Amino acid sequence: MQEDFKLELKLEVVQDLELYSEILKKDVNTILNEALELYFENEKEKLLDKNQNNENAMTNLSYDEFWDDVEV
């Protein structure tokens, strides 16, 4: 994994990070890590929901469609 990469933040974001760092008594890295963890959890949930919806769309048959041509 590449350890160094370029990260560009808007001035407003940097100012907010500094402000919240002071208010919450947390360093900027902790705030960024917590924010990214929440972001990834949220995106993972969206992807899982989307995949579930796609699966349901592929197998979602009506009662008549499911039992069509079945002899009991």
N, C-alpha and C. Protein backbone atom coordinates (compact mmCIF):
# COMPACT_ATOMS: atom_id res chain seq x y z
N MET A 1 0.84 -1.18 0.00
CA MET A 1 0.00 0.00 0.00
C MET A 1 0.89 1.25 0.00
N GLN A 2 0.50 2.20 -0.80
CA GLN A 2 1.24 3.45 -0.85
C GLN A 2 0.94 4.26 0.40
N GLU A 3 1.97 4.67 1.11
CA GLU A 3 1.78 5.40 2.36
C GLU A 3 1.69 6.90 2.16
N ASP A 4 2.34 7.41 1.13
CA ASP A 4 2.33 8.85 0.87
C ASP A 4 1.44 9.14 -0.33
N PHE A 5 0.53 10.06 -0.16
CA PHE A 5 -0.29 10.50 -1.27
C PHE A 5 -0.67 11.95 -1.05
N LYS A 6 -1.07 12.60 -2.12
CA LYS A 6 -1.39 14.01 -2.05
C LYS A 6 -2.84 14.18 -1.59
N LEU A 7 -3.02 14.98 -0.58
CA LEU A 7 -4.35 15.25 -0.04
C LEU A 7 -4.59 16.75 -0.10
N GLU A 8 -5.64 17.14 -0.79
CA GLU A 8 -5.97 18.56 -0.91
C GLU A 8 -7.31 18.81 -0.24
N LEU A 9 -7.32 19.77 0.67
CA LEU A 9 -8.55 20.13 1.38
C LEU A 9 -8.86 21.60 1.14
N LYS A 10 -10.13 21.90 1.06
CA LYS A 10 -10.55 23.30 0.92
C LYS A 10 -10.17 24.05 2.20
N LEU A 11 -9.93 25.35 2.06
CA LEU A 11 -9.58 26.18 3.20
C LEU A 11 -10.64 26.10 4.30
N GLU A 12 -11.92 26.08 3.90
CA GLU A 12 -13.02 26.00 4.88
C GLU A 12 -12.93 24.71 5.69
N VAL A 13 -12.57 23.62 5.04
CA VAL A 13 -12.47 22.33 5.72
C VAL A 13 -11.31 22.36 6.71
N VAL A 14 -10.21 22.93 6.31
CA VAL A 14 -9.05 23.03 7.20
C VAL A 14 -9.40 23.88 8.41
N GLN A 15 -10.09 24.99 8.17
CA GLN A 15 -10.49 25.85 9.29
C GLN A 15 -11.44 25.13 10.23
N ASP A 16 -12.38 24.38 9.66
CA ASP A 16 -13.31 23.60 10.50
C ASP A 16 -12.56 22.53 11.30
N LEU A 17 -11.61 21.88 10.66
CA LEU A 17 -10.81 20.87 11.37
C LEU A 17 -10.08 21.48 12.55
N GLU A 18 -9.48 22.63 12.34
CA GLU A 18 -8.76 23.30 13.42
C GLU A 18 -9.72 23.71 14.54
N LEU A 19 -10.87 24.24 14.16
CA LEU A 19 -11.87 24.67 15.14
C LEU A 19 -12.37 23.49 15.97
N TYR A 20 -12.78 22.42 15.29
CA TYR A 20 -13.30 21.25 16.00
C TYR A 20 -12.21 20.55 16.80
N SER A 21 -11.00 20.63 16.34
CA SER A 21 -9.89 20.06 17.08
C SER A 21 -9.76 20.74 18.44
N GLU A 22 -9.89 22.05 18.44
CA GLU A 22 -9.82 22.80 19.69
C GLU A 22 -11.03 22.52 20.58
N ILE A 23 -12.22 22.55 19.97
CA ILE A 23 -13.46 22.37 20.74
C ILE A 23 -13.53 20.97 21.36
N LEU A 24 -13.22 19.96 20.54
CA LEU A 24 -13.35 18.57 20.99
C LEU A 24 -12.11 18.03 21.70
N LYS A 25 -11.05 18.82 21.70
CA LYS A 25 -9.78 18.39 22.30
C LYS A 25 -9.29 17.09 21.66
N LYS A 26 -9.38 17.04 20.33
CA LYS A 26 -8.90 15.90 19.55
C LYS A 26 -7.95 16.42 18.50
N ASP A 27 -6.96 15.61 18.15
CA ASP A 27 -6.09 16.07 17.08
C ASP A 27 -6.77 15.88 15.73
N VAL A 28 -6.27 16.57 14.73
CA VAL A 28 -6.88 16.57 13.41
C VAL A 28 -6.90 15.17 12.81
N ASN A 29 -5.85 14.39 13.00
CA ASN A 29 -5.80 13.03 12.46
C ASN A 29 -6.91 12.16 13.02
N THR A 30 -7.19 12.30 14.30
CA THR A 30 -8.27 11.52 14.93
C THR A 30 -9.61 11.90 14.32
N ILE A 31 -9.84 13.20 14.14
CA ILE A 31 -11.10 13.65 13.56
C ILE A 31 -11.24 13.11 12.13
N LEU A 32 -10.18 13.20 11.35
CA LEU A 32 -10.23 12.70 9.97
C LEU A 32 -10.46 11.20 9.93
N ASN A 33 -9.77 10.45 10.79
CA ASN A 33 -9.96 9.00 10.82
C ASN A 33 -11.38 8.63 11.22
N GLU A 34 -11.93 9.30 12.24
CA GLU A 34 -13.31 9.02 12.66
C GLU A 34 -14.29 9.35 11.54
N ALA A 35 -14.08 10.48 10.87
CA ALA A 35 -14.98 10.88 9.79
C ALA A 35 -14.92 9.89 8.64
N LEU A 36 -13.71 9.44 8.30
CA LEU A 36 -13.58 8.48 7.20
C LEU A 36 -14.18 7.13 7.56
N GLU A 37 -14.04 6.71 8.81
CA GLU A 37 -14.64 5.44 9.23
C GLU A 37 -16.16 5.50 9.07
N LEU A 38 -16.76 6.61 9.50
CA LEU A 38 -18.21 6.78 9.35
C LEU A 38 -18.61 6.80 7.87
N TYR A 39 -17.82 7.48 7.06
CA TYR A 39 -18.08 7.55 5.62
C TYR A 39 -18.06 6.15 5.01
N PHE A 40 -17.02 5.36 5.32
CA PHE A 40 -16.90 4.03 4.74
C PHE A 40 -18.01 3.11 5.21
N GLU A 41 -18.41 3.21 6.48
CA GLU A 41 -19.53 2.41 6.98
C GLU A 41 -20.81 2.75 6.22
N ASN A 42 -21.04 4.03 6.03
CA ASN A 42 -22.24 4.49 5.32
C ASN A 42 -22.24 4.00 3.87
N GLU A 43 -21.11 4.13 3.20
CA GLU A 43 -21.02 3.69 1.81
C GLU A 43 -21.15 2.18 1.69
N LYS A 44 -20.58 1.45 2.64
CA LYS A 44 -20.69 -0.01 2.63
C LYS A 44 -22.16 -0.43 2.76
N GLU A 45 -22.88 0.26 3.66
CA GLU A 45 -24.30 -0.04 3.85
C GLU A 45 -25.09 0.26 2.58
N LYS A 46 -24.77 1.37 1.91
CA LYS A 46 -25.44 1.70 0.65
C LYS A 46 -25.18 0.63 -0.40
N LEU A 47 -23.92 0.18 -0.49
CA LEU A 47 -23.59 -0.85 -1.47
C LEU A 47 -24.30 -2.16 -1.17
N LEU A 48 -24.36 -2.53 0.10
CA LEU A 48 -25.06 -3.75 0.47
C LEU A 48 -26.54 -3.66 0.15
N ASP A 49 -27.14 -2.51 0.43
CA ASP A 49 -28.56 -2.31 0.12
C ASP A 49 -28.78 -2.37 -1.39
N LYS A 50 -27.89 -1.73 -2.14
CA LYS A 50 -28.02 -1.74 -3.60
C LYS A 50 -27.89 -3.15 -4.14
N ASN A 51 -26.92 -3.91 -3.62
CA ASN A 51 -26.75 -5.29 -4.07
C ASN A 51 -27.96 -6.14 -3.70
N GLN A 52 -28.52 -5.91 -2.52
CA GLN A 52 -29.70 -6.66 -2.09
C GLN A 52 -30.87 -6.33 -3.01
N ASN A 53 -31.03 -5.06 -3.34
CA ASN A 53 -32.11 -4.66 -4.24
C ASN A 53 -31.93 -5.26 -5.61
N ASN A 54 -30.69 -5.31 -6.09
CA ASN A 54 -30.42 -5.92 -7.40
C ASN A 54 -30.73 -7.41 -7.37
N GLU A 55 -30.37 -8.08 -6.29
CA GLU A 55 -30.67 -9.51 -6.15
C GLU A 55 -32.17 -9.73 -6.13
N ASN A 56 -32.88 -8.91 -5.38
CA ASN A 56 -34.33 -9.04 -5.30
C ASN A 56 -34.97 -8.78 -6.66
N ALA A 57 -34.43 -7.85 -7.40
CA ALA A 57 -34.98 -7.55 -8.73
C ALA A 57 -34.81 -8.73 -9.67
N MET A 58 -33.72 -9.47 -9.50
CA MET A 58 -33.46 -10.61 -10.37
C MET A 58 -34.35 -11.81 -10.02
N THR A 59 -34.79 -11.91 -8.80
CA THR A 59 -35.54 -13.08 -8.37
C THR A 59 -36.96 -12.75 -7.94
N ASN A 60 -37.39 -11.54 -8.15
CA ASN A 60 -38.69 -11.11 -7.67
C ASN A 60 -39.78 -11.51 -8.67
N LEU A 61 -40.36 -12.67 -8.47
CA LEU A 61 -41.43 -13.16 -9.33
C LEU A 61 -42.76 -13.06 -8.60
N SER A 62 -43.80 -12.84 -9.38
CA SER A 62 -45.13 -12.84 -8.76
C SER A 62 -45.49 -14.28 -8.40
N TYR A 63 -46.54 -14.43 -7.62
CA TYR A 63 -47.00 -15.76 -7.22
C TYR A 63 -47.31 -16.61 -8.43
N ASP A 64 -48.06 -16.04 -9.38
CA ASP A 64 -48.44 -16.78 -10.59
C ASP A 64 -47.23 -17.13 -11.44
N GLU A 65 -46.30 -16.21 -11.55
CA GLU A 65 -45.09 -16.49 -12.34
C GLU A 65 -44.29 -17.63 -11.72
N PHE A 66 -44.19 -17.62 -10.39
CA PHE A 66 -43.41 -18.63 -9.70
C PHE A 66 -44.04 -20.03 -9.89
N TRP A 67 -45.36 -20.11 -9.75
CA TRP A 67 -46.02 -21.41 -9.80
C TRP A 67 -46.49 -21.81 -11.19
N ASP A 68 -46.24 -20.98 -12.19
CA ASP A 68 -46.64 -21.29 -13.55
C ASP A 68 -46.02 -22.60 -14.02
N ASP A 69 -46.83 -23.46 -14.56
CA ASP A 69 -46.40 -24.77 -15.10
C ASP A 69 -45.91 -25.76 -14.05
N VAL A 70 -46.20 -25.52 -12.80
CA VAL A 70 -45.81 -26.49 -11.75
C VAL A 70 -47.02 -27.40 -11.51
N GLU A 71 -46.77 -28.69 -11.60
CA GLU A 71 -47.85 -29.66 -11.33
C GLU A 71 -47.61 -30.29 -9.98
N VAL A 72 -48.64 -30.28 -9.16
CA VAL A 72 -48.52 -30.87 -7.82
C VAL A 72 -49.31 -32.14 -7.74
